[in-house]
């Protein structure tokens, strides 16, 4: 965590990630309305398409950024003492990075 990433910058990340997730959800709804997906094979084929993979990666990138800012703000406001605060921020960051790796691994596996 860098000290300058507070206030307006965090607010913009929170709003931009929410807007990005909304755009991806609209894209996914339109995509599924035009081409319904039924069954595992169809889902895998959809996720292996470039637009499907980019849509999913965009959604999860925005989701993880949104989660980081929200959880970070809660921990900065309510976790005391500072040592506990840093430890909890480390746990949250590690967990979110693990989730990002897992999503990336799933999308790479879908390409095979």
Protein backbone atom coordinates (compact mmCIF):
# COMPACT_ATOMS: atom_id res chain seq x y z
CA UNK A 1 0.00 0.00 0.00
CA UNK A 2 1.38 3.38 -0.90
CA UNK A 3 0.27 6.31 1.25
CA UNK A 4 -0.73 8.48 -1.74
CA UNK A 5 -3.35 6.00 -2.95
CA UNK A 6 -6.20 7.37 -0.90
CA UNK A 7 -9.05 9.79 -1.33
CA UNK A 8 -9.81 10.73 -4.89
CA UNK A 9 -7.60 8.07 -6.52
CA UNK A 10 -9.27 5.26 -4.57
CA UNK A 11 -12.68 6.78 -5.30
CA UNK A 12 -11.93 6.76 -9.04
CA UNK A 13 -10.74 3.15 -8.95
CA UNK A 14 -13.92 2.14 -7.11
CA UNK A 15 -16.20 3.96 -9.58
CA UNK A 16 -14.30 2.93 -12.70
CA UNK A 17 -14.25 -0.73 -11.66
CA UNK A 18 -17.99 -0.64 -10.93
CA UNK A 19 -18.65 0.93 -14.35
CA UNK A 20 -16.38 -1.65 -15.99
CA UNK A 21 -18.22 -4.52 -14.31
CA UNK A 22 -21.54 -3.05 -15.45
CA UNK A 23 -20.30 -2.88 -19.04
CA UNK A 24 -19.09 -6.48 -18.93
CA UNK A 25 -22.41 -7.68 -17.45
CA UNK A 26 -24.31 -5.90 -20.25
CA UNK A 27 -21.95 -7.47 -22.79
CA UNK A 28 -22.44 -10.94 -21.27
CA UNK A 29 -26.23 -10.59 -21.17
CA UNK A 30 -26.30 -9.50 -24.81
CA UNK A 31 -23.92 -12.29 -25.79
CA UNK A 32 -26.02 -14.93 -24.02
CA UNK A 33 -29.26 -13.53 -25.43
CA UNK A 34 -27.91 -13.81 -28.97
CA UNK A 35 -26.20 -17.17 -28.48
CA UNK A 36 -27.52 -19.12 -25.48
CA UNK A 37 -24.97 -21.37 -23.79
CA UNK A 38 -26.10 -24.78 -22.54
CA UNK A 39 -23.83 -27.39 -20.99
CA UNK A 40 -20.17 -27.54 -20.07
CA UNK A 41 -18.87 -27.96 -23.62
CA UNK A 42 -20.74 -24.86 -24.79
CA UNK A 43 -19.49 -22.85 -21.79
CA UNK A 44 -15.91 -23.93 -22.47
CA UNK A 45 -16.25 -23.06 -26.15
CA UNK A 46 -17.67 -19.65 -25.22
CA UNK A 47 -14.89 -18.94 -22.71
CA UNK A 48 -12.21 -19.99 -25.22
CA UNK A 49 -13.39 -17.43 -27.77
CA UNK A 50 -11.34 -14.23 -27.65
CA UNK A 51 -14.31 -11.98 -26.82
CA UNK A 52 -15.48 -14.34 -24.07
CA UNK A 53 -12.04 -14.60 -22.50
CA UNK A 54 -11.48 -10.84 -22.69
CA UNK A 55 -14.91 -10.21 -21.19
CA UNK A 56 -14.28 -12.57 -18.30
CA UNK A 57 -10.80 -11.22 -17.67
CA UNK A 58 -12.11 -7.66 -17.76
CA UNK A 59 -14.86 -8.50 -15.33
CA UNK A 60 -12.59 -10.26 -12.86
CA UNK A 61 -9.92 -7.55 -13.13
CA UNK A 62 -12.52 -4.91 -12.28
CA UNK A 63 -13.98 -7.10 -9.53
CA UNK A 64 -10.61 -7.67 -7.87
CA UNK A 65 -9.71 -3.96 -8.07
CA UNK A 66 -13.10 -3.09 -6.58
CA UNK A 67 -12.65 -5.63 -3.81
CA UNK A 68 -9.15 -4.37 -2.99
CA UNK A 69 -10.21 -0.75 -2.62
CA UNK A 70 -13.27 -1.63 -0.56
CA UNK A 71 -11.54 -4.08 1.78
CA UNK A 72 -8.49 -1.84 2.09
CA UNK A 73 -10.65 1.11 3.12
CA UNK A 74 -12.51 -0.96 5.72
CA UNK A 75 -9.25 -2.28 7.18
CA UNK A 76 -7.66 1.17 7.22
CA UNK A 77 -10.69 2.56 9.05
CA UNK A 78 -11.36 -0.21 11.56
CA UNK A 79 -8.31 -2.46 12.06
CA UNK A 80 -6.15 -1.40 15.01
CA UNK A 81 -3.24 -1.52 15.94
CA UNK A 82 -1.19 -0.68 12.81
CA UNK A 83 0.66 -4.02 12.95
CA UNK A 84 -2.62 -5.92 12.73
CA UNK A 85 -3.75 -3.58 9.97
CA UNK A 86 -0.64 -4.33 7.88
CA UNK A 87 -0.97 -8.07 8.48
CA UNK A 88 -4.62 -8.09 7.43
CA UNK A 89 -3.84 -6.00 4.34
CA UNK A 90 -1.16 -8.53 3.44
CA UNK A 91 -3.61 -11.41 3.85
CA UNK A 92 -6.21 -9.65 1.69
CA UNK A 93 -3.63 -8.77 -0.98
CA UNK A 94 -2.34 -12.35 -1.03
CA UNK A 95 -5.87 -13.73 -1.31
CA UNK A 96 -6.80 -11.39 -4.15
CA UNK A 97 -3.59 -12.19 -6.03
CA UNK A 98 -4.34 -15.90 -5.58
CA UNK A 99 -7.84 -15.35 -6.98
CA UNK A 100 -6.37 -13.46 -9.95
CA UNK A 101 -3.97 -16.32 -10.62
CA UNK A 102 -6.79 -18.85 -10.36
CA UNK A 103 -8.96 -16.94 -12.85
CA UNK A 104 -6.03 -16.61 -15.23
CA UNK A 105 -5.29 -20.34 -14.92
CA UNK A 106 -8.95 -21.18 -15.67
CA UNK A 107 -8.95 -18.95 -18.76
CA UNK A 108 -5.69 -20.44 -20.02
CA UNK A 109 -7.07 -23.95 -19.50
CA UNK A 110 -10.20 -23.01 -21.45
CA UNK A 111 -8.02 -22.10 -24.43
CA UNK A 112 -6.73 -25.70 -24.69
